[in-house]
Amino acid sequence: MRAIVNLMSKRAITLSGWRAKAIQINGKNEAPLSEVLQAATLKDGRSMLDLITEKDRMRDDWSLYVDGFSLPGSSSIKKIVKDNVQIHVLDRPSIKVKDF
């Protein structure tokens, strides 16, 4: 399966070095959202999953827009996504957070 991860966050773009990326999960027609985010790597080798989640939940200062649905901060990321899904990563810069 293939998913497109679109970054709508200046912070995420700076940490990743890209604005949009096709993520390929081989041998599957669908995959957990967490697996797709784990495959989206940042410049320093961490993953988008590491950046925006903590203990299977999104950090309060991040949100996702996945396949027409909004997942606000503190949401579970156990959603299963299908082939050709668009995932938009957004942050809320008005919330004070320490550097990741």
PDB file of N, CA and C in Angstrom:
ATOM      1  N   MET A   1       0.834  -1.180   0.000  1.00  0.00           N
ATOM      2  CA  MET A   1       0.000   0.000   0.000  1.00  0.00           C
ATOM      3  C   MET A   1       0.876   1.238   0.000  1.00  0.00           C
ATOM      4  N   ARG A   2       0.291   2.318  -0.432  1.00  0.00           N
ATOM      5  CA  ARG A   2       1.008   3.588  -0.465  1.00  0.00           C
ATOM      6  C   ARG A   2       0.137   4.644   0.197  1.00  0.00           C
ATOM      7  N   ALA A   3       0.766   5.475   1.018  1.00  0.00           N
ATOM      8  CA  ALA A   3       0.094   6.601   1.651  1.00  0.00           C
ATOM      9  C   ALA A   3       0.928   7.849   1.373  1.00  0.00           C
ATOM     10  N   ILE A   4       0.260   8.967   1.233  1.00  0.00           N
ATOM     11  CA  ILE A   4       0.947  10.241   1.053  1.00  0.00           C
ATOM     12  C   ILE A   4       0.847  11.014   2.361  1.00  0.00           C
ATOM     13  N   VAL A   5       2.000  11.378   2.922  1.00  0.00           N
ATOM     14  CA  VAL A   5       2.042  12.180   4.149  1.00  0.00           C
ATOM     15  C   VAL A   5       2.379  13.606   3.743  1.00  0.00           C
ATOM     16  N   ASN A   6       1.469  14.524   4.029  1.00  0.00           N
ATOM     17  CA  ASN A   6       1.622  15.946   3.715  1.00  0.00           C
ATOM     18  C   ASN A   6       1.833  16.715   5.016  1.00  0.00           C
ATOM     19  N   LEU A   7       2.908  17.472   5.073  1.00  0.00           N
ATOM     20  CA  LEU A   7       3.195  18.246   6.275  1.00  0.00           C
ATOM     21  C   LEU A   7       2.664  19.662   6.119  1.00  0.00           C
ATOM     22  N   MET A   8       1.807  20.065   7.023  1.00  0.00           N
ATOM     23  CA  MET A   8       1.216  21.393   7.029  1.00  0.00           C
ATOM     24  C   MET A   8       1.795  22.211   8.181  1.00  0.00           C
ATOM     25  N   SER A   9       2.876  21.718   8.756  1.00  0.00           N
ATOM     26  CA  SER A   9       3.505  22.307   9.930  1.00  0.00           C
ATOM     27  C   SER A   9       4.935  22.711   9.597  1.00  0.00           C
ATOM     28  N   LYS A  10       5.264  23.976   9.828  1.00  0.00           N
ATOM     29  CA  LYS A  10       6.627  24.448   9.595  1.00  0.00           C
ATOM     30  C   LYS A  10       7.615  23.680  10.467  1.00  0.00           C
ATOM     31  N   ARG A  11       7.207  23.382  11.686  1.00  0.00           N
ATOM     32  CA  ARG A  11       8.059  22.632  12.615  1.00  0.00           C
ATOM     33  C   ARG A  11       8.357  21.228  12.064  1.00  0.00           C
ATOM     34  N   ALA A  12       7.348  20.535  11.564  1.00  0.00           N
ATOM     35  CA  ALA A  12       7.546  19.192  11.009  1.00  0.00           C
ATOM     36  C   ALA A  12       8.386  19.242   9.734  1.00  0.00           C
ATOM     37  N   ILE A  13       8.166  20.250   8.894  1.00  0.00           N
ATOM     38  CA  ILE A  13       8.943  20.395   7.659  1.00  0.00           C
ATOM     39  C   ILE A  13      10.415  20.610   7.997  1.00  0.00           C
ATOM     40  N   THR A  14      10.689  21.452   8.982  1.00  0.00           N
ATOM     41  CA  THR A  14      12.072  21.721   9.390  1.00  0.00           C
ATOM     42  C   THR A  14      12.741  20.454   9.916  1.00  0.00           C
ATOM     43  N   LEU A  15      12.034  19.680  10.718  1.00  0.00           N
ATOM     44  CA  LEU A  15      12.614  18.476  11.307  1.00  0.00           C
ATOM     45  C   LEU A  15      12.746  17.322  10.319  1.00  0.00           C
ATOM     46  N   SER A  16      11.885  17.303   9.300  1.00  0.00           N
ATOM     47  CA  SER A  16      11.908  16.192   8.348  1.00  0.00           C
ATOM     48  C   SER A  16      12.740  16.481   7.107  1.00  0.00           C
ATOM     49  N   GLY A  17      12.719  17.739   6.660  1.00  0.00           N
ATOM     50  CA  GLY A  17      13.406  18.091   5.431  1.00  0.00           C
ATOM     51  C   GLY A  17      12.568  17.858   4.190  1.00  0.00           C
ATOM     52  N   TRP A  18      11.280  17.595   4.368  1.00  0.00           N
ATOM     53  CA  TRP A  18      10.380  17.404   3.227  1.00  0.00           C
ATOM     54  C   TRP A  18       8.993  17.945   3.549  1.00  0.00           C
ATOM     55  N   ARG A  19       8.195  18.204   2.509  1.00  0.00           N
ATOM     56  CA  ARG A  19       6.828  18.728   2.665  1.00  0.00           C
ATOM     57  C   ARG A  19       5.787  17.643   2.438  1.00  0.00           C
ATOM     58  N   ALA A  20       6.076  16.731   1.531  1.00  0.00           N
ATOM     59  CA  ALA A  20       5.172  15.623   1.229  1.00  0.00           C
ATOM     60  C   ALA A  20       6.025  14.422   0.849  1.00  0.00           C
ATOM     61  N   LYS A  21       5.532  13.251   1.222  1.00  0.00           N
ATOM     62  CA  LYS A  21       6.317  12.054   0.956  1.00  0.00           C
ATOM     63  C   LYS A  21       5.383  10.871   0.747  1.00  0.00           C
ATOM     64  N   ALA A  22       5.672  10.067  -0.277  1.00  0.00           N
ATOM     65  CA  ALA A  22       4.942   8.818  -0.491  1.00  0.00           C
ATOM     66  C   ALA A  22       5.574   7.757   0.404  1.00  0.00           C
ATOM     67  N   ILE A  23       4.764   7.115   1.200  1.00  0.00           N
ATOM     68  CA  ILE A  23       5.227   6.063   2.103  1.00  0.00           C
ATOM     69  C   ILE A  23       4.684   4.737   1.593  1.00  0.00           C
ATOM     70  N   GLN A  24       5.586   3.824   1.328  1.00  0.00           N
ATOM     71  CA  GLN A  24       5.220   2.518   0.793  1.00  0.00           C
ATOM     72  C   GLN A  24       5.269   1.480   1.907  1.00  0.00           C
ATOM     73  N   ILE A  25       4.179   0.749   2.087  1.00  0.00           N
ATOM     74  CA  ILE A  25       4.128  -0.383   3.013  1.00  0.00           C
ATOM     75  C   ILE A  25       3.908  -1.613   2.133  1.00  0.00           C
ATOM     76  N   ASN A  26       4.941  -2.372   1.921  1.00  0.00           N
ATOM     77  CA  ASN A  26       4.895  -3.479   0.969  1.00  0.00           C
ATOM     78  C   ASN A  26       4.067  -4.660   1.470  1.00  0.00           C
ATOM     79  N   GLY A  27       3.382  -5.300   0.519  1.00  0.00           N
ATOM     80  CA  GLY A  27       2.653  -6.525   0.805  1.00  0.00           C
ATOM     81  C   GLY A  27       1.330  -6.350   1.518  1.00  0.00           C
ATOM     82  N   LYS A  28       0.821  -5.122   1.606  1.00  0.00           N
ATOM     83  CA  LYS A  28      -0.436  -4.883   2.320  1.00  0.00           C
ATOM     84  C   LYS A  28      -1.353  -3.996   1.488  1.00  0.00           C
ATOM     85  N   ASN A  29      -2.667  -4.148   1.689  1.00  0.00           N
ATOM     86  CA  ASN A  29      -3.657  -3.252   1.091  1.00  0.00           C
ATOM     87  C   ASN A  29      -4.117  -2.192   2.072  1.00  0.00           C
ATOM     88  N   GLU A  30      -3.824  -2.422   3.356  1.00  0.00           N
ATOM     89  CA  GLU A  30      -4.127  -1.473   4.414  1.00  0.00           C
ATOM     90  C   GLU A  30      -3.121  -1.678   5.536  1.00  0.00           C
ATOM     91  N   ALA A  31      -2.975  -0.663   6.371  1.00  0.00           N
ATOM     92  CA  ALA A  31      -1.998  -0.732   7.465  1.00  0.00           C
ATOM     93  C   ALA A  31      -2.442   0.201   8.588  1.00  0.00           C
ATOM     94  N   PRO A  32      -1.981  -0.056   9.803  1.00  0.00           N
ATOM     95  CA  PRO A  32      -2.262   0.869  10.903  1.00  0.00           C
ATOM     96  C   PRO A  32      -1.599   2.226  10.623  1.00  0.00           C
ATOM     97  N   LEU A  33      -2.278   3.276  11.001  1.00  0.00           N
ATOM     98  CA  LEU A  33      -1.746   4.626  10.848  1.00  0.00           C
ATOM     99  C   LEU A  33      -0.370   4.725  11.506  1.00  0.00           C
ATOM    100  N   SER A  34      -0.197   4.075  12.632  1.00  0.00           N
ATOM    101  CA  SER A  34       1.092   4.116  13.336  1.00  0.00           C
ATOM    102  C   SER A  34       2.219   3.533  12.479  1.00  0.00           C
ATOM    103  N   GLU A  35       1.941   2.503  11.696  1.00  0.00           N
ATOM    104  CA  GLU A  35       2.966   1.901  10.836  1.00  0.00           C
ATOM    105  C   GLU A  35       3.382   2.867   9.726  1.00  0.00           C
ATOM    106  N   VAL A  36       2.407   3.588   9.171  1.00  0.00           N
ATOM    107  CA  VAL A  36       2.709   4.574   8.128  1.00  0.00           C
ATOM    108  C   VAL A  36       3.557   5.703   8.710  1.00  0.00           C
ATOM    109  N   LEU A  37       3.166   6.214   9.874  1.00  0.00           N
ATOM    110  CA  LEU A  37       3.915   7.299  10.506  1.00  0.00           C
ATOM    111  C   LEU A  37       5.305   6.850  10.942  1.00  0.00           C
ATOM    112  N   GLN A  38       5.462   5.593  11.316  1.00  0.00           N
ATOM    113  CA  GLN A  38       6.767   5.053  11.682  1.00  0.00           C
ATOM    114  C   GLN A  38       7.698   5.028  10.465  1.00  0.00           C
ATOM    115  N   ALA A  39       7.144   4.797   9.284  1.00  0.00           N
ATOM    116  CA  ALA A  39       7.938   4.724   8.052  1.00  0.00           C
ATOM    117  C   ALA A  39       8.293   6.105   7.491  1.00  0.00           C
ATOM    118  N   ALA A  40       7.667   7.159   8.003  1.00  0.00           N
ATOM    119  CA  ALA A  40       7.958   8.535   7.564  1.00  0.00           C
ATOM    120  C   ALA A  40       9.098   9.082   8.417  1.00  0.00           C
ATOM    121  N   THR A  41      10.305   9.076   7.870  1.00  0.00           N
ATOM    122  CA  THR A  41      11.486   9.413   8.668  1.00  0.00           C
ATOM    123  C   THR A  41      11.808  10.905   8.661  1.00  0.00           C
ATOM    124  N   LEU A  42      12.405  11.335   9.754  1.00  0.00           N
ATOM    125  CA  LEU A  42      12.886  12.697   9.915  1.00  0.00           C
ATOM    126  C   LEU A  42      14.367  12.744   9.553  1.00  0.00           C
ATOM    127  N   LYS A  43      14.919  13.943   9.467  1.00  0.00           N
ATOM    128  CA  LYS A  43      16.334  14.109   9.109  1.00  0.00           C
ATOM    129  C   LYS A  43      17.273  13.399  10.074  1.00  0.00           C
ATOM    130  N   ASP A  44      16.921  13.351  11.337  1.00  0.00           N
ATOM    131  CA  ASP A  44      17.826  12.768  12.338  1.00  0.00           C
ATOM    132  C   ASP A  44      17.619  11.270  12.551  1.00  0.00           C
ATOM    133  N   GLY A  45      16.785  10.641  11.711  1.00  0.00           N
ATOM    134  CA  GLY A  45      16.568   9.203  11.806  1.00  0.00           C
ATOM    135  C   GLY A  45      15.357   8.788  12.611  1.00  0.00           C
ATOM    136  N   ARG A  46      14.802   9.709  13.383  1.00  0.00           N
ATOM    137  CA  ARG A  46      13.560   9.396  14.098  1.00  0.00           C
ATOM    138  C   ARG A  46      12.425   9.320  13.089  1.00  0.00           C
ATOM    139  N   SER A  47      11.243   9.008  13.555  1.00  0.00           N
ATOM    140  CA  SER A  47      10.083   8.927  12.676  1.00  0.00           C
ATOM    141  C   SER A  47       9.054  10.000  13.030  1.00  0.00           C
ATOM    142  N   MET A  48       8.130  10.216  12.112  1.00  0.00           N
ATOM    143  CA  MET A  48       7.027  11.130  12.375  1.00  0.00           C
ATOM    144  C   MET A  48       6.217  10.628  13.573  1.00  0.00           C
ATOM    145  N   LEU A  49       6.132   9.322  13.713  1.00  0.00           N
ATOM    146  CA  LEU A  49       5.438   8.735  14.863  1.00  0.00           C
ATOM    147  C   LEU A  49       6.098   9.177  16.163  1.00  0.00           C
ATOM    148  N   ASP A  50       7.435   9.138  16.216  1.00  0.00           N
ATOM    149  CA  ASP A  50       8.162   9.583  17.414  1.00  0.00           C
ATOM    150  C   ASP A  50       7.878  11.050  17.732  1.00  0.00           C
ATOM    151  N   LEU A  51       7.771  11.855  16.694  1.00  0.00           N
ATOM    152  CA  LEU A  51       7.585  13.294  16.867  1.00  0.00           C
ATOM    153  C   LEU A  51       6.214  13.647  17.412  1.00  0.00           C
ATOM    154  N   ILE A  52       5.166  13.027  16.876  1.00  0.00           N
ATOM    155  CA  ILE A  52       3.812  13.496  17.189  1.00  0.00           C
ATOM    156  C   ILE A  52       3.049  12.649  18.196  1.00  0.00           C
ATOM    157  N   THR A  53       3.627  11.516  18.627  1.00  0.00           N
ATOM    158  CA  THR A  53       2.896  10.658  19.564  1.00  0.00           C
ATOM    159  C   THR A  53       3.672  10.394  20.840  1.00  0.00           C
ATOM    160  N   GLU A  54       2.904   9.951  21.819  1.00  0.00           N
ATOM    161  CA  GLU A  54       3.453   9.492  23.090  1.00  0.00           C
ATOM    162  C   GLU A  54       2.501   8.432  23.619  1.00  0.00           C
ATOM    163  N   LYS A  55       3.001   7.211  23.778  1.00  0.00           N
ATOM    164  CA  LYS A  55       2.202   6.095  24.307  1.00  0.00           C
ATOM    165  C   LYS A  55       0.925   5.869  23.500  1.00  0.00           C
ATOM    166  N   ASP A  56       1.025   5.698  22.198  1.00  0.00           N
ATOM    167  CA  ASP A  56      -0.099   5.395  21.300  1.00  0.00           C
ATOM    168  C   ASP A  56      -1.153   6.497  21.199  1.00  0.00           C
ATOM    169  N   ARG A  57      -0.838   7.704  21.637  1.00  0.00           N
ATOM    170  CA  ARG A  57      -1.749   8.833  21.509  1.00  0.00           C
ATOM    171  C   ARG A  57      -0.973  10.014  20.957  1.00  0.00           C
ATOM    172  N   MET A  58      -1.667  10.841  20.199  1.00  0.00           N
ATOM    173  CA  MET A  58      -1.015  12.047  19.679  1.00  0.00           C
ATOM    174  C   MET A  58      -0.768  13.034  20.810  1.00  0.00           C
ATOM    175  N   ARG A  59       0.351  13.707  20.700  1.00  0.00           N
ATOM    176  CA  ARG A  59       0.633  14.789  21.648  1.00  0.00           C
ATOM    177  C   ARG A  59      -0.407  15.891  21.442  1.00  0.00           C
ATOM    178  N   ASP A  60      -0.698  16.633  22.486  1.00  0.00           N
ATOM    179  CA  ASP A  60      -1.740  17.665  22.435  1.00  0.00           C
ATOM    180  C   ASP A  60      -1.496  18.738  21.388  1.00  0.00           C
ATOM    181  N   ASP A  61      -0.236  18.980  21.043  1.00  0.00           N
ATOM    182  CA  ASP A  61       0.066  20.075  20.127  1.00  0.00           C
ATOM    183  C   ASP A  61       0.108  19.644  18.658  1.00  0.00           C
ATOM    184  N   TRP A  62      -0.340  18.431  18.345  1.00  0.00           N
ATOM    185  CA  TRP A  62      -0.390  17.934  16.968  1.00  0.00           C
ATOM    186  C   TRP A  62      -1.797  17.456  16.638  1.00  0.00           C
ATOM    187  N   SER A  63      -2.119  17.425  15.353  1.00  0.00           N
ATOM    188  CA  SER A  63      -3.366  16.820  14.895  1.00  0.00           C
ATOM    189  C   SER A  63      -3.130  16.260  13.496  1.00  0.00           C
ATOM    190  N   LEU A  64      -3.992  15.333  13.114  1.00  0.00           N
ATOM    191  CA  LEU A  64      -3.920  14.722  11.792  1.00  0.00           C
ATOM    192  C   LEU A  64      -5.261  14.880  11.092  1.00  0.00           C
ATOM    193  N   TYR A  65      -5.201  14.998   9.797  1.00  0.00           N
ATOM    194  CA  TYR A  65      -6.396  14.963   8.961  1.00  0.00           C
ATOM    195  C   TYR A  65      -6.184  13.763   8.052  1.00  0.00           C
ATOM    196  N   VAL A  66      -6.981  12.716   8.263  1.00  0.00           N
ATOM    197  CA  VAL A  66      -6.770  11.442   7.580  1.00  0.00           C
ATOM    198  C   VAL A  66      -8.040  11.016   6.868  1.00  0.00           C
ATOM    199  N   ASP A  67      -7.950  10.912   5.561  1.00  0.00           N
ATOM    200  CA  ASP A  67      -9.053  10.365   4.772  1.00  0.00           C
ATOM    201  C   ASP A  67     -10.392  11.055   5.079  1.00  0.00           C
ATOM    202  N   GLY A  68     -10.340  12.368   5.219  1.00  0.00           N
ATOM    203  CA  GLY A  68     -11.558  13.135   5.444  1.00  0.00           C
ATOM    204  C   GLY A  68     -11.965  13.299   6.894  1.00  0.00           C
ATOM    205  N   PHE A  69     -11.177  12.772   7.818  1.00  0.00           N
ATOM    206  CA  PHE A  69     -11.509  12.859   9.236  1.00  0.00           C
ATOM    207  C   PHE A  69     -10.387  13.545  10.003  1.00  0.00           C
ATOM    208  N   SER A  70     -10.754  14.384  10.956  1.00  0.00           N
ATOM    209  CA  SER A  70      -9.796  15.076  11.797  1.00  0.00           C
ATOM    210  C   SER A  70      -9.530  14.249  13.051  1.00  0.00           C
ATOM    211  N   LEU A  71      -8.266  14.071  13.373  1.00  0.00           N
ATOM    212  CA  LEU A  71      -7.862  13.421  14.619  1.00  0.00           C
ATOM    213  C   LEU A  71      -7.124  14.460  15.443  1.00  0.00           C
ATOM    214  N   PRO A  72      -7.790  15.074  16.422  1.00  0.00           N
ATOM    215  CA  PRO A  72      -7.143  16.120  17.219  1.00  0.00           C
ATOM    216  C   PRO A  72      -6.124  15.543  18.190  1.00  0.00           C
ATOM    217  N   GLY A  73      -5.323  16.420  18.783  1.00  0.00           N
ATOM    218  CA  GLY A  73      -4.361  16.009  19.796  1.00  0.00           C
ATOM    219  C   GLY A  73      -5.017  15.147  20.850  1.00  0.00           C
ATOM    220  N   SER A  74      -4.270  14.219  21.402  1.00  0.00           N
ATOM    221  CA  SER A  74      -4.707  13.238  22.403  1.00  0.00           C
ATOM    222  C   SER A  74      -5.540  12.100  21.821  1.00  0.00           C
ATOM    223  N   SER A  75      -5.752  12.078  20.496  1.00  0.00           N
ATOM    224  CA  SER A  75      -6.488  10.983  19.857  1.00  0.00           C
ATOM    225  C   SER A  75      -5.623   9.738  19.780  1.00  0.00           C
ATOM    226  N   SER A  76      -6.280   8.600  19.750  1.00  0.00           N
ATOM    227  CA  SER A  76      -5.589   7.343  19.509  1.00  0.00           C
ATOM    228  C   SER A  76      -5.188   7.278  18.038  1.00  0.00           C
ATOM    229  N   ILE A  77      -4.100   6.638  17.741  1.00  0.00           N
ATOM    230  CA  ILE A  77      -3.666   6.514  16.347  1.00  0.00           C
ATOM    231  C   ILE A  77      -3.770   5.065  15.876  1.00  0.00           C
ATOM    232  N   LYS A  78      -4.723   4.327  16.398  1.00  0.00           N
ATOM    233  CA  LYS A  78      -4.898   2.925  16.035  1.00  0.00           C
ATOM    234  C   LYS A  78      -5.727   2.737  14.769  1.00  0.00           C
ATOM    235  N   LYS A  79      -6.098   3.805  14.126  1.00  0.00           N
ATOM    236  CA  LYS A  79      -6.899   3.756  12.906  1.00  0.00           C
ATOM    237  C   LYS A  79      -6.173   2.973  11.816  1.00  0.00           C
ATOM    238  N   ILE A  80      -6.911   2.173  11.074  1.00  0.00           N
ATOM    239  CA  ILE A  80      -6.379   1.451   9.919  1.00  0.00           C
ATOM    240  C   ILE A  80      -6.641   2.312   8.683  1.00  0.00           C
ATOM    241  N   VAL A  81      -5.615   2.489   7.859  1.00  0.00           N
ATOM    242  CA  VAL A  81      -5.758   3.278   6.638  1.00  0.00           C
ATOM    243  C   VAL A  81      -5.585   2.369   5.426  1.00  0.00           C
ATOM    244  N   LYS A  82      -6.253   2.743   4.348  1.00  0.00           N
ATOM    245  CA  LYS A  82      -6.233   1.952   3.124  1.00  0.00           C
ATOM    246  C   LYS A  82      -5.269   2.551   2.110  1.00  0.00           C
ATOM    247  N   ASP A  83      -5.050   1.822   1.048  1.00  0.00           N
ATOM    248  CA  ASP A  83      -4.165   2.239  -0.030  1.00  0.00           C
ATOM    249  C   ASP A  83      -4.562   3.612  -0.574  1.00  0.00           C
ATOM    250  N   ASN A  84      -3.572   4.414  -0.894  1.00  0.00           N
ATOM    251  CA  ASN A  84      -3.723   5.753  -1.493  1.00  0.00           C
ATOM    252  C   ASN A  84      -4.352   6.791  -0.582  1.00  0.00           C
ATOM    253  N   VAL A  85      -4.252   6.619   0.716  1.00  0.00           N
ATOM    254  CA  VAL A  85      -4.798   7.595   1.656  1.00  0.00           C
ATOM    255  C   VAL A  85      -3.871   8.813   1.728  1.00  0.00           C
ATOM    256  N   GLN A  86      -4.472   9.973   1.980  1.00  0.00           N
ATOM    257  CA  GLN A  86      -3.736  11.218   2.211  1.00  0.00           C
ATOM    258  C   GLN A  86      -3.766  11.497   3.714  1.00  0.00           C
ATOM    259  N   ILE A  87      -2.599  11.741   4.276  1.00  0.00           N
ATOM    260  CA  ILE A  87      -2.475  12.054   5.698  1.00  0.00           C
ATOM    261  C   ILE A  87      -1.855  13.441   5.815  1.00  0.00           C
ATOM    262  N   HIS A  88      -2.541  14.356   6.473  1.00  0.00           N
ATOM    263  CA  HIS A  88      -2.045  15.722   6.664  1.00  0.00           C
ATOM    264  C   HIS A  88      -1.656  15.883   8.129  1.00  0.00           C
ATOM    265  N   VAL A  89      -0.429  16.321   8.363  1.00  0.00           N
ATOM    266  CA  VAL A  89       0.098  16.518   9.712  1.00  0.00           C
ATOM    267  C   VAL A  89       0.084  18.013  10.004  1.00  0.00           C
ATOM    268  N   LEU A  90      -0.616  18.405  11.068  1.00  0.00           N
ATOM    269  CA  LEU A  90      -0.729  19.806  11.465  1.00  0.00           C
ATOM    270  C   LEU A  90      -0.277  19.964  12.908  1.00  0.00           C
ATOM    271  N   ASP A  91       0.179  21.150  13.246  1.00  0.00           N
ATOM    272  CA  ASP A  91       0.495  21.423  14.642  1.00  0.00           C
ATOM    273  C   ASP A  91      -0.220  22.687  15.083  1.00  0.00           C
ATOM    274  N   ARG A  92      -0.172  22.906  16.363  1.00  0.00           N
ATOM    275  CA  ARG A  92      -0.770  24.102  16.943  1.00  0.00           C
ATOM    276  C   ARG A  92       0.345  24.903  17.578  1.00  0.00           C
ATOM    277  N   PRO A  93       0.962  25.815  16.817  1.00  0.00           N
ATOM    278  CA  PRO A  93       2.114  26.552  17.346  1.00  0.00           C
ATOM    279  C   PRO A  93       1.781  27.469  18.508  1.00  0.00           C
ATOM    280  N   SER A  94       0.508  27.705  18.752  1.00  0.00           N
ATOM    281  CA  SER A  94       0.156  28.583  19.868  1.00  0.00           C
ATOM    282  C   SER A  94       0.361  27.884  21.210  1.00  0.00           C
ATOM    283  N   ILE A  95       0.466  26.558  21.192  1.00  0.00           N
ATOM    284  CA  ILE A  95       0.726  25.816  22.422  1.00  0.00           C
ATOM    285  C   ILE A  95       2.226  25.806  22.655  1.00  0.00           C
ATOM    286  N   LYS A  96       2.640  26.152  23.843  1.00  0.00           N
ATOM    287  CA  LYS A  96       4.058  26.159  24.166  1.00  0.00           C
ATOM    288  C   LYS A  96       4.525  24.724  24.410  1.00  0.00           C
ATOM    289  N   VAL A  97       5.529  24.327  23.669  1.00  0.00           N
ATOM    290  CA  VAL A  97       6.089  22.979  23.859  1.00  0.00           C
ATOM    291  C   VAL A  97       7.608  23.108  23.926  1.00  0.00           C
ATOM    292  N   LYS A  98       8.214  22.198  24.652  1.00  0.00           N
ATOM    293  CA  LYS A  98       9.671  22.217  24.672  1.00  0.00           C
ATOM    294  C   LYS A  98      10.167  21.571  23.385  1.00  0.00           C
ATOM    295  N   ASP A  99      11.370  21.900  22.998  1.00  0.00           N
ATOM    296  CA  ASP A  99      11.941  21.353  21.776  1.00  0.00           C
ATOM    297  C   ASP A  99      11.984  19.845  21.850  1.00  0.00           C
ATOM    298  N   PHE A 100      11.665  19.233  20.752  1.00  0.00           N
ATOM    299  CA  PHE A 100      11.615  17.774  20.701  1.00  0.00           C
ATOM    300  C   PHE A 100      12.981  17.204  20.441  1.00  0.00           C
TER     301      PHE A 100
END
